[in-house]
């Protein structure tokens, strides 16, 4: 079973710019070791005859044909706007006053 040392965990924390407490290092070490052990078990089961799988159900992208359409005019685009000004939509401020 692969094991992550405290030094490796501290190094990973430094790389991620995360200050880890001693308690967090112990906790993360255990969690990473469980994850690494699980990966190791999967690698043992998956032999040469098992293809890599990202999704157990085959997925296909169903895309409509990309056909050019006539775009809306500015008047058509603004037709349903509750408030418009100078050919643009008017929306309430959400970031505060400037």
C-alpha atoms as a PDB file:
ATOM      1  CA  UNK A   1       0.000   0.000   0.000  1.00  0.00           C
ATOM      2  CA  UNK A   2       1.446   3.368  -0.946  1.00  0.00           C
ATOM      3  CA  UNK A   3       1.883   5.743   1.931  1.00  0.00           C
ATOM      4  CA  UNK A   4       2.230   9.475   1.921  1.00  0.00           C
ATOM      5  CA  UNK A   5       4.675  10.808   4.481  1.00  0.00           C
ATOM      6  CA  UNK A   6       4.095  13.891   6.583  1.00  0.00           C
ATOM      7  CA  UNK A   7       6.853  15.630   4.614  1.00  0.00           C
ATOM      8  CA  UNK A   8       5.087  14.886   1.326  1.00  0.00           C
ATOM      9  CA  UNK A   9       1.788  16.190   2.692  1.00  0.00           C
ATOM     10  CA  UNK A  10       3.494  19.355   3.955  1.00  0.00           C
ATOM     11  CA  UNK A  11       5.185  19.763   0.561  1.00  0.00           C
ATOM     12  CA  UNK A  12       1.830  19.424  -1.233  1.00  0.00           C
ATOM     13  CA  UNK A  13       0.344  22.001   1.154  1.00  0.00           C
ATOM     14  CA  UNK A  14       3.201  24.386   0.389  1.00  0.00           C
ATOM     15  CA  UNK A  15       2.748  23.901  -3.355  1.00  0.00           C
ATOM     16  CA  UNK A  16      -0.971  24.657  -2.984  1.00  0.00           C
ATOM     17  CA  UNK A  17      -0.175  27.581  -0.654  1.00  0.00           C
ATOM     18  CA  UNK A  18      -2.290  26.035   2.099  1.00  0.00           C
ATOM     19  CA  UNK A  19      -1.185  26.272   5.710  1.00  0.00           C
ATOM     20  CA  UNK A  20      -1.910  22.887   7.273  1.00  0.00           C
ATOM     21  CA  UNK A  21      -2.148  22.175  10.987  1.00  0.00           C
ATOM     22  CA  UNK A  22      -0.720  18.984  12.460  1.00  0.00           C
ATOM     23  CA  UNK A  23      -4.231  17.598  12.796  1.00  0.00           C
ATOM     24  CA  UNK A  24      -5.011  18.377   9.144  1.00  0.00           C
ATOM     25  CA  UNK A  25      -1.781  16.725   8.015  1.00  0.00           C
ATOM     26  CA  UNK A  26      -2.725  13.541   9.883  1.00  0.00           C
ATOM     27  CA  UNK A  27      -6.247  13.599   8.447  1.00  0.00           C
ATOM     28  CA  UNK A  28      -5.141  14.303   4.862  1.00  0.00           C
ATOM     29  CA  UNK A  29      -2.446  11.659   5.072  1.00  0.00           C
ATOM     30  CA  UNK A  30      -5.019   9.025   5.969  1.00  0.00           C
ATOM     31  CA  UNK A  31      -7.426  10.180   3.259  1.00  0.00           C
ATOM     32  CA  UNK A  32      -4.755  10.232   0.538  1.00  0.00           C
ATOM     33  CA  UNK A  33      -3.546   6.783   1.551  1.00  0.00           C
ATOM     34  CA  UNK A  34      -7.093   5.399   1.257  1.00  0.00           C
ATOM     35  CA  UNK A  35      -7.458   7.007  -2.188  1.00  0.00           C
ATOM     36  CA  UNK A  36      -4.086   5.666  -3.338  1.00  0.00           C
ATOM     37  CA  UNK A  37      -4.988   2.200  -2.043  1.00  0.00           C
ATOM     38  CA  UNK A  38      -8.281   2.292  -3.946  1.00  0.00           C
ATOM     39  CA  UNK A  39      -6.499   3.289  -7.158  1.00  0.00           C
ATOM     40  CA  UNK A  40      -4.030   0.459  -6.621  1.00  0.00           C
ATOM     41  CA  UNK A  41      -6.887  -2.065  -6.253  1.00  0.00           C
ATOM     42  CA  UNK A  42      -8.560  -0.850  -9.461  1.00  0.00           C
ATOM     43  CA  UNK A  43      -5.263  -1.110 -11.338  1.00  0.00           C
ATOM     44  CA  UNK A  44      -4.848  -4.707 -10.156  1.00  0.00           C
ATOM     45  CA  UNK A  45      -8.332  -5.662 -11.383  1.00  0.00           C
ATOM     46  CA  UNK A  46      -8.138  -3.839 -14.707  1.00  0.00           C
ATOM     47  CA  UNK A  47      -5.996  -6.058 -16.901  1.00  0.00           C
ATOM     48  CA  UNK A  48      -4.710  -5.612 -20.427  1.00  0.00           C
ATOM     49  CA  UNK A  49      -8.023  -6.843 -21.850  1.00  0.00           C
ATOM     50  CA  UNK A  50     -10.072  -4.132 -20.094  1.00  0.00           C
ATOM     51  CA  UNK A  51     -10.179  -0.860 -22.072  1.00  0.00           C
ATOM     52  CA  UNK A  52     -10.001   2.414 -20.131  1.00  0.00           C
ATOM     53  CA  UNK A  53     -13.467   3.796 -19.470  1.00  0.00           C
ATOM     54  CA  UNK A  54     -14.454   7.364 -18.715  1.00  0.00           C
ATOM     55  CA  UNK A  55     -18.162   6.564 -18.613  1.00  0.00           C
ATOM     56  CA  UNK A  56     -19.763   3.101 -18.374  1.00  0.00           C
ATOM     57  CA  UNK A  57     -22.560   4.159 -20.738  1.00  0.00           C
ATOM     58  CA  UNK A  58     -21.492   5.185 -24.243  1.00  0.00           C
ATOM     59  CA  UNK A  59     -22.323   8.818 -24.830  1.00  0.00           C
ATOM     60  CA  UNK A  60     -22.926  10.429 -28.176  1.00  0.00           C
ATOM     61  CA  UNK A  61     -23.216  14.105 -28.857  1.00  0.00           C
ATOM     62  CA  UNK A  62     -26.455  14.852 -30.631  1.00  0.00           C
ATOM     63  CA  UNK A  63     -25.869  18.168 -32.319  1.00  0.00           C
ATOM     64  CA  UNK A  64     -28.157  19.929 -34.720  1.00  0.00           C
ATOM     65  CA  UNK A  65     -26.711  20.987 -38.047  1.00  0.00           C
ATOM     66  CA  UNK A  66     -24.983  24.327 -37.921  1.00  0.00           C
ATOM     67  CA  UNK A  67     -26.970  26.322 -40.449  1.00  0.00           C
ATOM     68  CA  UNK A  68     -26.777  30.090 -40.754  1.00  0.00           C
ATOM     69  CA  UNK A  69     -29.885  32.028 -39.743  1.00  0.00           C
ATOM     70  CA  UNK A  70     -30.849  35.649 -40.207  1.00  0.00           C
ATOM     71  CA  UNK A  71     -29.992  37.446 -36.952  1.00  0.00           C
ATOM     72  CA  UNK A  72     -32.491  39.574 -35.060  1.00  0.00           C
ATOM     73  CA  UNK A  73     -32.524  43.273 -35.697  1.00  0.00           C
ATOM     74  CA  UNK A  74     -31.836  45.555 -32.760  1.00  0.00           C
ATOM     75  CA  UNK A  75     -35.520  46.465 -32.586  1.00  0.00           C
ATOM     76  CA  UNK A  76     -36.562  42.795 -32.562  1.00  0.00           C
ATOM     77  CA  UNK A  77     -34.051  41.971 -29.831  1.00  0.00           C
ATOM     78  CA  UNK A  78     -35.275  44.833 -27.653  1.00  0.00           C
ATOM     79  CA  UNK A  79     -38.981  44.273 -28.372  1.00  0.00           C
ATOM     80  CA  UNK A  80     -39.596  42.351 -25.125  1.00  0.00           C
ATOM     81  CA  UNK A  81     -37.343  44.446 -22.896  1.00  0.00           C
ATOM     82  CA  UNK A  82     -39.186  46.005 -19.945  1.00  0.00           C
ATOM     83  CA  UNK A  83     -36.780  48.970 -19.983  1.00  0.00           C
ATOM     84  CA  UNK A  84     -34.534  50.091 -22.826  1.00  0.00           C
ATOM     85  CA  UNK A  85     -32.481  53.202 -23.452  1.00  0.00           C
ATOM     86  CA  UNK A  86     -30.370  54.295 -26.427  1.00  0.00           C
ATOM     87  CA  UNK A  87     -30.832  50.918 -28.136  1.00  0.00           C
ATOM     88  CA  UNK A  88     -29.675  48.912 -25.085  1.00  0.00           C
ATOM     89  CA  UNK A  89     -31.235  46.882 -22.272  1.00  0.00           C
ATOM     90  CA  UNK A  90     -31.428  48.702 -18.938  1.00  0.00           C
ATOM     91  CA  UNK A  91     -30.882  46.539 -15.855  1.00  0.00           C
ATOM     92  CA  UNK A  92     -30.693  47.470 -12.173  1.00  0.00           C
ATOM     93  CA  UNK A  93     -27.269  47.957 -10.621  1.00  0.00           C
ATOM     94  CA  UNK A  94     -26.079  44.995  -8.623  1.00  0.00           C
ATOM     95  CA  UNK A  95     -22.585  46.090  -7.632  1.00  0.00           C
ATOM     96  CA  UNK A  96     -23.484  49.285  -5.823  1.00  0.00           C
ATOM     97  CA  UNK A  97     -22.988  52.933  -6.603  1.00  0.00           C
ATOM     98  CA  UNK A  98     -19.800  54.262  -8.138  1.00  0.00           C
END
